[in-house]
């Protein structure tokens, strides 16, 4: 196996994919304890992979590590959610599906052949990366909860609670995304002498996502928007969020390349 796959933790990502499928099928079969155990293994594998990327790049920022960090956080959120008595099976299935999708993207579209930029030797670049990871994980949780709200018939009180939970996740995602944008602006100014590097797709997709979600939080001020409309708007935001992962994706690569 190529050295770059080893140093960036891809054997651990491959192991995480296998454990993810185990967690998914255990969840479908109703074996929650087995699913939680599999999630612990997934989290350990993803966390170690993310640590390896930071270790090899530090003190520079590990480029294109957003997907690794987001995957790690989503697994942690899934673990915490599945341990609660109020856990909804549909929510777990949707979230586990999103985790498996990101896991597959990491394996099949890696982006690792690069030299870390000297301009990233600043605390602002690390804040930009880490807060962006937290933001995307929270927003994905909001998308999943919005989809659950649309697909499970509930009483009016339960519906209000479900939408409030989704909105809360979205709010925290928006806060972290705002911190990521401002720290990215400071980093851009220190590295390139301008507050915004417009040719950087990571900055542009982050700004587009931020504008979409600030529009979402203004919906309650319009009487024409019902709860269901807000949930649909939230789920559609997940499509835009997927585009924000595009800068962290490389060309398709054979998973078994280099193995005799």
Foldseek 3Di string as FASTA:
>chain_A
DDPLCVLLLVVLLVVLLVLLVQLLVCLVVPNLVSNLVSLVSNLVSLVVSLVSQCVVQPPFDRPLCLLSLLLNVLSVVLNVLSVDPPRDSQLSNVSSVVSSVSSVQCLFFADGPDHGDPLRSDVLNVLLRVLLSLLLNLLVSLLSLLVVLLPDDDDPVVSVVSNVSSVVSNVSSLVSLVSNLQSCQVSCCSRPVGSDDVVQLLNVLSVVLNVLSVVLVCVVVDPVDDSNNSSVSSNVSVVSSVVSSVVSGHHTDDSCPPPD
